[in-house]
Amino acid sequence: MTNRFALTPSLRFATSVLALALFCSCSNKSTQTRLVVYSPHGKEMLSTFEKLFEAHHPGVDVQWLDMGSQDVYDRIRTERHNPQADIWWGAPLTTFAKAEAESLLERYIPSWDEAVPAAMKSPHGFWCGTFSTPEVIMYNNRLVSEADAPHDWDDLLDSRWRGKIIIRYPLASGTMRIIFSALMQREARRSGSVETGFAWLKRLDANTKTYTADPTQLYLKIAREEGLVTLWNLPDVLIQTHINGYPFGYVIPKSGTPVITDCIAIVRGSRQRALTEAFYEFVTSREAMIRQAAEFYRIPTRSDIPRDQLPEWLRSLTIVPMQVDWEEIEANEKQWMKRWDEEIKGRGKAER
């Protein structure tokens, strides 16, 4: 009797080849050297540079985790006795300075170190600035015209925006912690007391509809018209507009805006030091930074990149930097944000 389920010789051969290919694929993946990157730079840029680096280093498997910069810091701090990450790519310099003080980073001087101003890097070589990131007011441009959008920070306190502002939860976001801290400093300079800064944030809270847990929810809520306005950073606004098609416009506040120095560092305890250094140099090379500017709207800190090699959007950008005392923010940000969370969040509406 013929077994109708028996494999023919040609089918047996094909099956064997397929099984061997799958085995080799799994085996190759398991024998690759893993490089772990923690970063808030978004899946678009992270996936691009994962593929580019792996193409230059065939035996490497780059694995990245995209999370808020404050979440990265908290995670690296938690993992200090059993480090899981090799590279930390992206967060304000104040956060990197805290990590350096807590011995969470490894010292490394990149080949392009002299092209970055002293104020944008660790004086001891533990981190270095990669991008300058201005903060902006973002709005849904389907419902809000450029003329009608808030043009400065104080405009956000106007009653016309009540219930129309959505904000990324600051305690998990380096971007929002810096914006809030810088605005508190601004108010304190005006009055001589940080209490006026808290009062300003309470008025902003009164106009805020909700705080989102992550940037994706922020983008979706503004795009779906659940809110019309937010405070965010320029590169992400441009990425969501030009790459993902969201209906976002932006305004750079006319009185001045905080410009964050976004940094990179090697995590203390990295198991792949030579490979980690190679990745560090790869994503911060002149060629990489030009590409990051053109495709992902980043503003390089390196002064050795010819202006004519930078994209038109960047060359035509006009920014008025806000006066910011970064040392004061580094010293007080945690306490300020804790007080905001406990005393202000959700309470502004009750007092309006």
Protein backbone atom coordinates (compact mmCIF):
# COMPACT_ATOMS: atom_id res chain seq x y z
CA MET A 1 0.00 0.00 0.00
CA THR A 2 1.37 3.37 -0.97
CA ASN A 3 1.72 5.97 1.79
CA ARG A 4 0.27 9.10 0.16
CA PHE A 5 1.92 11.24 2.83
CA ALA A 6 5.44 9.97 2.09
CA LEU A 7 7.90 12.58 0.82
CA THR A 8 9.34 12.24 -2.65
CA PRO A 9 13.15 12.39 -2.90
CA SER A 10 13.02 15.94 -4.32
CA LEU A 11 10.66 17.10 -1.58
CA ARG A 12 12.82 15.46 1.08
CA PHE A 13 15.82 17.31 -0.31
CA ALA A 14 13.98 20.65 -0.36
CA THR A 15 12.75 20.11 3.18
CA SER A 16 16.26 19.30 4.37
CA VAL A 17 17.65 22.43 2.74
CA LEU A 18 14.93 24.57 4.34
CA ALA A 19 15.56 23.04 7.77
CA LEU A 20 19.28 23.61 7.40
CA ALA A 21 18.72 27.23 6.37
CA LEU A 22 16.46 27.85 9.36
CA PHE A 23 18.97 26.19 11.67
CA CYS A 24 21.82 28.27 10.29
CA SER A 25 19.74 31.44 10.54
CA CYS A 26 18.92 30.80 14.19
CA SER A 27 22.45 29.67 14.88
CA ASN A 28 23.94 32.77 13.24
CA LYS A 29 21.62 35.03 15.26
CA SER A 30 22.57 33.31 18.50
CA THR A 31 26.29 33.60 17.77
CA GLN A 32 26.16 37.28 16.85
CA THR A 33 27.60 39.80 19.30
CA ARG A 34 24.81 41.81 20.88
CA LEU A 35 25.10 45.58 21.27
CA VAL A 36 22.36 47.22 23.37
CA VAL A 37 21.38 50.87 22.92
CA TYR A 38 19.04 52.82 25.21
CA SER A 39 17.71 55.94 23.49
CA PRO A 40 14.76 58.36 23.18
CA HIS A 41 15.62 59.17 19.55
CA GLY A 42 12.65 57.29 18.08
CA LYS A 43 12.23 54.16 16.01
CA GLU A 44 12.78 55.96 12.70
CA MET A 45 16.34 57.04 13.44
CA LEU A 46 17.25 54.08 15.65
CA SER A 47 16.19 51.46 13.10
CA THR A 48 18.06 53.27 10.32
CA PHE A 49 21.35 53.35 12.21
CA GLU A 50 20.86 49.82 13.49
CA LYS A 51 20.81 48.59 9.88
CA LEU A 52 23.69 50.83 8.78
CA PHE A 53 25.96 49.71 11.63
CA GLU A 54 25.10 46.03 11.17
CA ALA A 55 25.91 46.35 7.46
CA HIS A 56 29.41 47.53 8.42
CA HIS A 57 29.70 44.92 11.20
CA PRO A 58 28.03 41.68 9.95
CA GLY A 59 28.64 39.79 13.19
CA VAL A 60 26.79 42.33 15.34
CA ASP A 61 23.15 42.40 16.44
CA VAL A 62 22.20 45.94 17.47
CA GLN A 63 19.25 45.95 19.85
CA TRP A 64 17.70 49.25 20.89
CA LEU A 65 15.09 50.27 23.40
CA ASP A 66 13.22 53.48 22.60
CA MET A 67 12.06 55.20 25.80
CA GLY A 68 11.94 58.63 27.41
CA SER A 69 15.29 60.04 28.46
CA GLN A 70 14.32 60.12 32.13
CA ASP A 71 13.22 56.48 31.83
CA VAL A 72 16.63 55.63 30.35
CA TYR A 73 18.39 57.27 33.29
CA ASP A 74 16.17 55.47 35.81
CA ARG A 75 16.73 52.13 34.10
CA ILE A 76 20.52 52.49 33.92
CA ARG A 77 20.52 53.51 37.57
CA THR A 78 18.48 50.43 38.50
CA GLU A 79 20.78 48.18 36.48
CA ARG A 80 24.04 49.59 37.85
CA HIS A 81 25.03 46.25 39.43
CA ASN A 82 24.02 44.25 36.35
CA PRO A 83 24.35 46.56 33.32
CA GLN A 84 22.25 45.60 30.31
CA ALA A 85 23.00 48.55 28.00
CA ASP A 86 26.24 49.43 26.23
CA ILE A 87 25.38 52.87 24.84
CA TRP A 88 23.13 55.64 26.10
CA TRP A 89 22.28 57.78 23.09
CA GLY A 90 20.18 60.82 23.90
CA ALA A 91 19.15 62.92 26.92
CA PRO A 92 19.76 66.47 28.15
CA LEU A 93 23.24 67.25 29.45
CA THR A 94 21.80 67.79 32.95
CA THR A 95 20.68 64.14 33.04
CA PHE A 96 24.07 62.93 31.82
CA ALA A 97 25.79 65.09 34.43
CA LYS A 98 23.72 63.38 37.16
CA ALA A 99 24.62 59.97 35.72
CA GLU A 100 28.32 60.91 35.70
CA ALA A 101 28.13 62.03 39.36
CA GLU A 102 26.61 58.64 40.22
CA SER A 103 29.37 56.71 38.39
CA LEU A 104 26.96 55.28 35.81
CA LEU A 105 29.13 56.13 32.80
CA GLU A 106 32.49 55.14 31.35
CA ARG A 107 35.06 57.74 30.33
CA TYR A 108 35.57 58.05 26.57
CA ILE A 109 36.95 60.92 24.48
CA PRO A 110 35.59 60.70 20.90
CA SER A 111 37.80 61.49 17.92
CA TRP A 112 35.80 64.68 17.23
CA ASP A 113 35.91 65.99 20.80
CA GLU A 114 37.66 69.26 19.87
CA ALA A 115 34.83 70.17 17.48
CA VAL A 116 32.38 70.55 20.38
CA PRO A 117 32.39 73.55 22.77
CA ALA A 118 33.43 72.87 26.35
CA ALA A 119 29.96 73.81 27.63
CA MET A 120 28.47 70.93 25.61
CA LYS A 121 30.52 68.07 27.07
CA SER A 122 31.69 66.58 30.32
CA PRO A 123 34.85 68.29 31.61
CA HIS A 124 36.09 64.82 32.55
CA GLY A 125 35.21 63.03 29.29
CA PHE A 126 32.20 60.97 30.41
CA TRP A 127 29.66 62.32 27.90
CA CYS A 128 29.57 64.56 24.86
CA GLY A 129 26.92 66.68 23.16
CA THR A 130 25.67 65.45 19.79
CA PHE A 131 22.68 67.68 19.00
CA SER A 132 21.26 71.07 19.95
CA THR A 133 17.53 70.63 20.47
CA PRO A 134 15.26 73.69 20.65
CA GLU A 135 11.90 73.41 22.36
CA VAL A 136 8.76 74.64 20.59
CA ILE A 137 5.00 75.08 20.89
CA MET A 138 3.34 72.48 18.65
CA TYR A 139 -0.25 72.70 17.41
CA ASN A 140 -2.73 70.89 15.17
CA ASN A 141 -2.59 72.94 11.96
CA ARG A 142 -5.89 71.57 10.65
CA LEU A 143 -7.76 73.52 13.32
CA VAL A 144 -5.28 76.20 14.36
CA SER A 145 -3.72 78.60 11.86
CA GLU A 146 -0.17 79.85 12.24
CA ALA A 147 -1.53 83.33 12.97
CA ASP A 148 -3.83 82.05 15.72
CA ALA A 149 -1.33 79.67 17.36
CA PRO A 150 0.32 80.64 20.66
CA HIS A 151 3.47 82.58 19.78
CA ASP A 152 5.06 82.66 23.22
CA TRP A 153 5.00 80.73 26.47
CA ASP A 154 2.66 83.15 28.26
CA ASP A 155 0.11 82.78 25.45
CA LEU A 156 -0.49 79.23 26.68
CA LEU A 157 -2.07 80.66 29.83
CA ASP A 158 -4.83 82.42 27.90
CA SER A 159 -8.32 81.11 28.64
CA ARG A 160 -8.88 80.37 24.92
CA TRP A 161 -6.63 77.30 25.34
CA ARG A 162 -8.45 75.96 28.39
CA GLY A 163 -8.95 72.22 27.98
CA LYS A 164 -7.07 72.24 24.66
CA ILE A 165 -3.51 71.64 25.87
CA ILE A 166 -2.09 68.11 26.15
CA ILE A 167 1.33 67.59 27.74
CA ARG A 168 3.72 64.65 27.94
CA TYR A 169 3.99 63.59 31.61
CA PRO A 170 7.12 65.47 32.76
CA LEU A 171 8.45 63.00 35.32
CA ALA A 172 9.22 60.48 32.56
CA SER A 173 10.40 63.01 29.98
CA GLY A 174 13.72 64.82 29.92
CA THR A 175 12.30 67.26 27.35
CA MET A 176 9.38 68.30 29.54
CA ARG A 177 11.47 68.45 32.73
CA ILE A 178 13.80 70.93 31.01
CA ILE A 179 10.93 73.03 29.61
CA PHE A 180 9.21 73.23 33.00
CA SER A 181 12.47 73.93 34.85
CA ALA A 182 13.54 76.62 32.38
CA LEU A 183 10.17 78.37 32.64
CA MET A 184 10.41 78.28 36.43
CA GLN A 185 13.83 79.89 36.22
CA ARG A 186 12.45 82.56 33.89
CA GLU A 187 9.67 83.43 36.32
CA ALA A 188 12.05 83.43 39.28
CA ARG A 189 14.32 85.92 37.49
CA ARG A 190 11.33 88.19 36.97
CA SER A 191 10.20 88.15 40.59
CA GLY A 192 13.14 86.91 42.66
CA SER A 193 11.23 83.85 43.89
CA VAL A 194 10.83 80.34 42.53
CA GLU A 195 7.27 80.38 43.89
CA THR A 196 6.19 82.45 40.90
CA GLY A 197 7.49 79.62 38.72
CA PHE A 198 5.23 77.15 40.48
CA ALA A 199 2.35 79.61 40.17
CA TRP A 200 2.97 79.83 36.40
CA LEU A 201 2.93 76.04 36.08
CA LYS A 202 -0.32 75.92 38.06
CA ARG A 203 -1.93 78.29 35.56
CA LEU A 204 -0.67 76.09 32.74
CA ASP A 205 -2.12 73.04 34.51
CA ALA A 206 -5.49 74.81 34.64
CA ASN A 207 -5.52 74.88 30.82
CA THR A 208 -4.20 71.33 30.43
CA LYS A 209 -6.67 68.61 29.49
CA THR A 210 -4.42 65.63 30.25
CA TYR A 211 -0.84 64.36 30.58
CA THR A 212 0.18 61.46 28.34
CA ALA A 213 2.36 58.53 29.35
CA ASP A 214 4.50 58.56 26.20
CA PRO A 215 5.18 60.60 23.03
CA THR A 216 3.10 58.28 20.82
CA GLN A 217 -0.03 59.04 22.84
CA LEU A 218 0.81 62.73 22.70
CA TYR A 219 1.01 62.68 18.89
CA LEU A 220 -2.18 60.65 18.52
CA LYS A 221 -4.22 62.88 20.82
CA ILE A 222 -3.15 66.06 19.04
CA ALA A 223 -3.66 64.47 15.59
CA ARG A 224 -7.13 63.19 16.59
CA GLU A 225 -8.06 66.68 17.81
CA GLU A 226 -8.51 65.58 21.42
CA GLY A 227 -6.30 68.57 22.14
CA LEU A 228 -4.85 71.30 19.96
CA VAL A 229 -1.59 72.44 21.53
CA THR A 230 1.42 71.04 23.33
CA LEU A 231 5.01 71.83 24.31
CA TRP A 232 7.63 69.63 22.68
CA ASN A 233 10.97 69.51 20.85
CA LEU A 234 11.54 70.65 17.27
CA PRO A 235 13.12 67.48 15.75
CA ASP A 236 10.26 65.22 16.84
CA VAL A 237 7.66 67.69 15.56
CA LEU A 238 9.34 67.74 12.13
CA ILE A 239 9.73 63.94 12.04
CA GLN A 240 6.06 63.39 12.86
CA THR A 241 5.04 65.98 10.26
CA HIS A 242 7.27 65.08 7.32
CA ILE A 243 7.84 61.34 7.85
CA ASN A 244 4.61 60.21 9.50
CA GLY A 245 2.24 62.77 7.99
CA TYR A 246 0.73 64.21 11.18
CA PRO A 247 -0.99 67.63 10.90
CA PHE A 248 1.46 69.50 13.12
CA GLY A 249 2.71 73.06 12.96
CA TYR A 250 5.12 74.70 15.37
CA VAL A 251 6.18 78.04 16.75
CA ILE A 252 9.56 78.86 18.26
CA PRO A 253 8.62 81.14 21.20
CA LYS A 254 9.58 84.69 20.30
CA SER A 255 10.91 85.60 23.77
CA GLY A 256 13.36 82.69 23.67
CA THR A 257 13.36 78.95 24.12
CA PRO A 258 15.51 76.45 26.03
CA VAL A 259 17.99 74.76 23.70
CA ILE A 260 18.92 71.36 25.09
CA THR A 261 22.31 69.82 24.45
CA ASP A 262 21.50 66.19 23.64
CA CYS A 263 24.35 63.81 24.55
CA ILE A 264 25.82 60.34 24.19
CA ALA A 265 27.85 58.14 26.57
CA ILE A 266 29.11 54.63 27.20
CA VAL A 267 27.31 52.86 30.04
CA ARG A 268 29.56 51.75 32.89
CA GLY A 269 30.06 47.99 32.72
CA SER A 270 29.56 47.66 28.96
CA ARG A 271 30.65 44.13 28.04
CA GLN A 272 31.65 45.07 24.49
CA ARG A 273 33.94 48.04 24.97
CA ALA A 274 35.69 48.04 21.57
CA LEU A 275 32.42 47.48 19.72
CA THR A 276 30.67 50.11 21.84
CA GLU A 277 33.33 52.66 20.96
CA ALA A 278 32.91 51.76 17.29
CA PHE A 279 29.14 52.38 17.50
CA TYR A 280 29.71 55.65 19.37
CA GLU A 281 32.04 56.89 16.61
CA PHE A 282 29.79 55.56 13.84
CA VAL A 283 26.60 57.39 14.87
CA THR A 284 28.47 60.61 15.66
CA SER A 285 30.68 60.70 12.57
CA ARG A 286 30.49 63.75 10.32
CA GLU A 287 28.67 61.71 7.67
CA ALA A 288 26.17 60.33 10.20
CA MET A 289 25.40 63.76 11.62
CA ILE A 290 24.83 65.23 8.17
CA ARG A 291 22.40 62.38 7.46
CA GLN A 292 20.70 62.84 10.85
CA ALA A 293 20.22 66.53 10.04
CA ALA A 294 18.82 65.82 6.57
CA GLU A 295 16.55 62.88 7.40
CA PHE A 296 15.75 63.26 11.11
CA TYR A 297 15.93 67.02 11.66
CA ARG A 298 18.77 67.00 14.18
CA ILE A 299 21.03 70.00 14.71
CA PRO A 300 24.65 68.80 15.06
CA THR A 301 26.84 70.25 17.81
CA ARG A 302 29.99 69.62 15.78
CA SER A 303 31.54 72.84 14.49
CA ASP A 304 33.60 71.04 11.83
CA ILE A 305 30.65 70.30 9.52
CA PRO A 306 30.62 72.72 6.56
CA ARG A 307 27.45 74.80 6.55
CA ASP A 308 26.80 74.09 2.88
CA GLN A 309 26.56 70.37 3.66
CA LEU A 310 23.66 70.93 6.06
CA PRO A 311 20.04 70.86 4.83
CA GLU A 312 18.18 74.03 3.90
CA TRP A 313 15.68 73.72 6.77
CA LEU A 314 18.54 74.01 9.25
CA ARG A 315 20.40 76.80 7.47
CA SER A 316 17.25 78.93 7.43
CA LEU A 317 16.29 78.23 11.06
CA THR A 318 16.21 81.21 13.44
CA ILE A 319 16.29 80.46 17.18
CA VAL A 320 16.38 82.84 20.12
CA PRO A 321 17.95 80.82 22.98
CA MET A 322 16.50 81.34 26.44
CA GLN A 323 18.95 82.18 29.20
CA VAL A 324 19.19 78.97 31.22
CA ASP A 325 21.28 78.17 34.30
CA TRP A 326 21.98 74.49 33.64
CA GLU A 327 23.79 73.96 36.94
CA GLU A 328 20.78 75.22 38.87
CA ILE A 329 18.50 72.92 36.89
CA GLU A 330 20.79 69.96 37.50
CA ALA A 331 20.74 70.69 41.24
CA ASN A 332 17.00 71.37 41.62
CA GLU A 333 15.12 69.66 38.80
CA LYS A 334 14.30 66.49 40.75
CA GLN A 335 12.94 68.42 43.72
CA TRP A 336 11.00 70.85 41.52
CA MET A 337 9.37 68.06 39.52
CA LYS A 338 8.48 66.12 42.65
CA ARG A 339 6.75 69.17 44.08
CA TRP A 340 4.98 69.83 40.78
CA ASP A 341 3.70 66.24 40.74
CA GLU A 342 2.50 66.35 44.34
CA GLU A 343 1.16 69.89 44.61
CA ILE A 344 0.25 71.15 41.13
CA LYS A 345 -0.62 68.38 38.66
CA GLY A 346 -4.41 68.29 38.26
CA ARG A 347 -4.99 71.01 40.85
CA GLY A 348 -4.92 74.11 38.67
CA LYS A 349 -8.47 73.47 37.39
CA ALA A 350 -9.87 73.48 40.92
CA GLU A 351 -8.56 76.99 41.56
CA ARG A 352 -9.45 78.74 38.31
